[in-house]
Amino acid sequence: MIGFLLALRLFAQQPDSAPGYDLTEAMIPMRDGVKLHTTIFVPRQAHGPLPFVFTRTPYGIAGAGNALRGYYRAFANDGYIFAFQDIRGRYTSEGQFVMMRPPGHRARAGTRARWTKAPMRTTQSNG
């Protein structure tokens, strides 16, 4: 049983893939220096500026490429760029995981918006 669980864990850590897409993995720094694990899928036949879909999750981004064949299929067929990111303190992202933020806590969407523009611009995003 332990061998099976170990094999399953090793399998889950293998690089993700999606047919027709190039994969980039990065540790993206936030304003406070914490780095969040991110995978970016860019269509191999990318031409011109492209839209992108950004997903941040506490559930792990291993296997995110499967979403391009599943619920993001229509976007993948239209040539979108995809970025998947583990939230703070989960899986291979740095920082401390906080289940519930206190009332009035401001989201850090501004940080996300700024960093998505820079790396995506190099991958032909229109975002």
C-alpha atoms as a PDB file:
ATOM      1  CA  MET A   1       0.000   0.000   0.000  1.00  0.00           C
ATOM      2  CA  ILE A   2       2.811   2.409   0.894  1.00  0.00           C
ATOM      3  CA  GLY A   3       4.536   1.618  -2.415  1.00  0.00           C
ATOM      4  CA  PHE A   4       1.334   2.409  -4.303  1.00  0.00           C
ATOM      5  CA  LEU A   5       0.939   5.747  -2.510  1.00  0.00           C
ATOM      6  CA  LEU A   6       4.576   6.632  -3.167  1.00  0.00           C
ATOM      7  CA  ALA A   7       4.214   5.758  -6.849  1.00  0.00           C
ATOM      8  CA  LEU A   8       1.022   7.825  -7.049  1.00  0.00           C
ATOM      9  CA  ARG A   9       2.779  10.796  -5.436  1.00  0.00           C
ATOM     10  CA  LEU A  10       5.729  10.544  -7.842  1.00  0.00           C
ATOM     11  CA  PHE A  11       3.354  10.307 -10.802  1.00  0.00           C
ATOM     12  CA  ALA A  12       1.512  13.433  -9.646  1.00  0.00           C
ATOM     13  CA  GLN A  13       4.791  15.381  -9.594  1.00  0.00           C
ATOM     14  CA  GLN A  14       5.662  14.616 -13.209  1.00  0.00           C
ATOM     15  CA  PRO A  15       5.620  17.594 -15.575  1.00  0.00           C
ATOM     16  CA  ASP A  16       2.211  18.439 -16.943  1.00  0.00           C
ATOM     17  CA  SER A  17       1.458  18.470 -20.658  1.00  0.00           C
ATOM     18  CA  ALA A  18      -1.206  19.398 -23.159  1.00  0.00           C
ATOM     19  CA  PRO A  19      -1.026  18.521 -26.857  1.00  0.00           C
ATOM     20  CA  GLY A  20      -0.270  21.554 -28.993  1.00  0.00           C
ATOM     21  CA  TYR A  21       0.927  23.664 -26.046  1.00  0.00           C
ATOM     22  CA  ASP A  22       4.346  24.588 -24.676  1.00  0.00           C
ATOM     23  CA  LEU A  23       4.582  24.442 -20.889  1.00  0.00           C
ATOM     24  CA  THR A  24       6.521  26.855 -18.688  1.00  0.00           C
ATOM     25  CA  GLU A  25       6.775  26.430 -14.923  1.00  0.00           C
ATOM     26  CA  ALA A  26       7.743  29.428 -12.816  1.00  0.00           C
ATOM     27  CA  MET A  27       7.848  30.681  -9.256  1.00  0.00           C
ATOM     28  CA  ILE A  28       6.198  34.098  -9.554  1.00  0.00           C
ATOM     29  CA  PRO A  29       7.156  36.634  -6.828  1.00  0.00           C
ATOM     30  CA  MET A  30       4.389  38.605  -5.131  1.00  0.00           C
ATOM     31  CA  ARG A  31       4.829  42.094  -3.607  1.00  0.00           C
ATOM     32  CA  ASP A  32       5.914  40.656  -0.252  1.00  0.00           C
ATOM     33  CA  GLY A  33       8.501  38.339  -1.861  1.00  0.00           C
ATOM     34  CA  VAL A  34       6.491  35.107  -1.509  1.00  0.00           C
ATOM     35  CA  LYS A  35       6.741  33.039  -4.697  1.00  0.00           C
ATOM     36  CA  LEU A  36       3.753  31.159  -6.079  1.00  0.00           C
ATOM     37  CA  HIS A  37       4.146  28.060  -8.251  1.00  0.00           C
ATOM     38  CA  THR A  38       2.666  28.685 -11.689  1.00  0.00           C
ATOM     39  CA  THR A  39       2.329  26.698 -14.891  1.00  0.00           C
ATOM     40  CA  ILE A  40       1.743  28.530 -18.167  1.00  0.00           C
ATOM     41  CA  PHE A  41       0.502  26.816 -21.316  1.00  0.00           C
ATOM     42  CA  VAL A  42       1.103  28.683 -24.594  1.00  0.00           C
ATOM     43  CA  PRO A  43      -0.186  27.391 -27.941  1.00  0.00           C
ATOM     44  CA  ARG A  44       2.702  26.283 -30.155  1.00  0.00           C
ATOM     45  CA  GLN A  45       1.146  27.918 -33.202  1.00  0.00           C
ATOM     46  CA  ALA A  46       0.614  31.281 -31.435  1.00  0.00           C
ATOM     47  CA  HIS A  47       0.240  34.262 -33.775  1.00  0.00           C
ATOM     48  CA  GLY A  48      -0.404  37.800 -32.626  1.00  0.00           C
ATOM     49  CA  PRO A  49      -1.770  38.843 -29.254  1.00  0.00           C
ATOM     50  CA  LEU A  50      -3.802  36.134 -27.520  1.00  0.00           C
ATOM     51  CA  PRO A  51      -6.281  36.188 -24.631  1.00  0.00           C
ATOM     52  CA  PHE A  52      -5.509  34.168 -21.498  1.00  0.00           C
ATOM     53  CA  VAL A  53      -7.311  32.387 -18.679  1.00  0.00           C
ATOM     54  CA  PHE A  54      -5.833  32.649 -15.182  1.00  0.00           C
ATOM     55  CA  THR A  55      -6.761  30.130 -12.455  1.00  0.00           C
ATOM     56  CA  ARG A  56      -5.498  30.303  -8.859  1.00  0.00           C
ATOM     57  CA  THR A  57      -6.432  27.325  -6.681  1.00  0.00           C
ATOM     58  CA  PRO A  58      -5.832  25.743  -3.249  1.00  0.00           C
ATOM     59  CA  TYR A  59      -6.347  22.265  -4.759  1.00  0.00           C
ATOM     60  CA  GLY A  60      -3.058  21.874  -6.655  1.00  0.00           C
ATOM     61  CA  ILE A  61      -2.188  22.515 -10.267  1.00  0.00           C
ATOM     62  CA  ALA A  62      -0.684  19.108 -11.051  1.00  0.00           C
ATOM     63  CA  GLY A  63      -2.584  17.796 -14.045  1.00  0.00           C
ATOM     64  CA  ALA A  64      -3.814  21.267 -15.034  1.00  0.00           C
ATOM     65  CA  GLY A  65      -3.207  20.362 -18.671  1.00  0.00           C
ATOM     66  CA  ASN A  66      -6.200  18.036 -18.426  1.00  0.00           C
ATOM     67  CA  ALA A  67      -8.426  21.111 -18.089  1.00  0.00           C
ATOM     68  CA  LEU A  68      -7.477  22.091 -21.634  1.00  0.00           C
ATOM     69  CA  ARG A  69      -9.067  18.869 -22.841  1.00  0.00           C
ATOM     70  CA  GLY A  70     -11.978  19.205 -20.400  1.00  0.00           C
ATOM     71  CA  TYR A  71     -13.841  22.267 -19.179  1.00  0.00           C
ATOM     72  CA  TYR A  72     -11.481  24.738 -20.902  1.00  0.00           C
ATOM     73  CA  ARG A  73     -11.637  22.885 -24.239  1.00  0.00           C
ATOM     74  CA  ALA A  74     -13.548  25.633 -26.077  1.00  0.00           C
ATOM     75  CA  PHE A  75     -10.952  28.218 -25.009  1.00  0.00           C
ATOM     76  CA  ALA A  76      -8.083  25.868 -25.918  1.00  0.00           C
ATOM     77  CA  ASN A  77      -9.607  25.321 -29.362  1.00  0.00           C
ATOM     78  CA  ASP A  78      -9.639  29.116 -29.807  1.00  0.00           C
ATOM     79  CA  GLY A  79      -5.908  29.336 -28.940  1.00  0.00           C
ATOM     80  CA  TYR A  80      -6.029  30.880 -25.473  1.00  0.00           C
ATOM     81  CA  ILE A  81      -3.001  30.990 -23.165  1.00  0.00           C
ATOM     82  CA  PHE A  82      -3.581  29.352 -19.747  1.00  0.00           C
ATOM     83  CA  ALA A  83      -1.919  30.122 -16.411  1.00  0.00           C
ATOM     84  CA  PHE A  84      -2.586  27.943 -13.340  1.00  0.00           C
ATOM     85  CA  GLN A  85      -1.275  28.919  -9.921  1.00  0.00           C
ATOM     86  CA  ASP A  86      -1.160  27.313  -6.455  1.00  0.00           C
ATOM     87  CA  ILE A  87      -2.215  29.749  -3.715  1.00  0.00           C
ATOM     88  CA  ARG A  88       0.062  30.685  -0.813  1.00  0.00           C
ATOM     89  CA  GLY A  89       1.278  27.844   1.346  1.00  0.00           C
ATOM     90  CA  ARG A  90      -0.271  25.091  -0.770  1.00  0.00           C
ATOM     91  CA  TYR A  91       1.611  22.455  -2.737  1.00  0.00           C
ATOM     92  CA  THR A  92       4.852  24.001  -4.046  1.00  0.00           C
ATOM     93  CA  SER A  93       3.964  27.665  -3.472  1.00  0.00           C
ATOM     94  CA  GLU A  94       5.732  29.523  -0.691  1.00  0.00           C
ATOM     95  CA  GLY A  95       4.073  31.396   2.147  1.00  0.00           C
ATOM     96  CA  GLN A  96       1.514  30.560   4.783  1.00  0.00           C
ATOM     97  CA  PHE A  97      -1.847  29.102   3.842  1.00  0.00           C
ATOM     98  CA  VAL A  98      -4.799  30.902   5.449  1.00  0.00           C
ATOM     99  CA  MET A  99      -8.163  29.165   5.085  1.00  0.00           C
ATOM    100  CA  MET A 100     -10.325  32.193   5.825  1.00  0.00           C
ATOM    101  CA  ARG A 101      -9.162  35.785   5.528  1.00  0.00           C
ATOM    102  CA  PRO A 102     -10.422  38.228   8.179  1.00  0.00           C
ATOM    103  CA  PRO A 103     -13.409  40.449   7.268  1.00  0.00           C
ATOM    104  CA  GLY A 104     -12.309  43.493   5.331  1.00  0.00           C
ATOM    105  CA  HIS A 105      -9.102  41.861   4.074  1.00  0.00           C
ATOM    106  CA  ARG A 106      -8.230  43.290   0.682  1.00  0.00           C
ATOM    107  CA  ALA A 107      -7.587  40.850  -2.137  1.00  0.00           C
ATOM    108  CA  ARG A 108      -4.265  41.047  -3.961  1.00  0.00           C
ATOM    109  CA  ALA A 109      -5.775  41.078  -7.419  1.00  0.00           C
ATOM    110  CA  GLY A 110      -3.641  44.102  -8.336  1.00  0.00           C
ATOM    111  CA  THR A 111      -0.477  42.055  -7.866  1.00  0.00           C
ATOM    112  CA  ARG A 112      -1.892  39.286 -10.020  1.00  0.00           C
ATOM    113  CA  ALA A 113      -2.890  41.735 -12.746  1.00  0.00           C
ATOM    114  CA  ARG A 114       0.582  43.313 -12.827  1.00  0.00           C
ATOM    115  CA  TRP A 115       2.585  40.095 -13.016  1.00  0.00           C
ATOM    116  CA  THR A 116       0.345  38.460 -15.616  1.00  0.00           C
ATOM    117  CA  LYS A 117       0.984  41.300 -18.027  1.00  0.00           C
ATOM    118  CA  ALA A 118       4.775  41.038 -18.005  1.00  0.00           C
ATOM    119  CA  PRO A 119       5.309  37.278 -18.557  1.00  0.00           C
ATOM    120  CA  MET A 120       2.301  36.963 -20.821  1.00  0.00           C
ATOM    121  CA  ARG A 121       3.469  39.826 -23.020  1.00  0.00           C
ATOM    122  CA  THR A 122       6.518  37.741 -23.893  1.00  0.00           C
ATOM    123  CA  THR A 123       4.186  34.915 -24.889  1.00  0.00           C
ATOM    124  CA  GLN A 124       2.041  37.048 -27.178  1.00  0.00           C
ATOM    125  CA  SER A 125      -0.854  37.668 -24.805  1.00  0.00           C
ATOM    126  CA  ASN A 126      -3.269  40.513 -25.403  1.00  0.00           C
ATOM    127  CA  GLY A 127      -3.922  40.681 -21.618  1.00  0.00           C
END
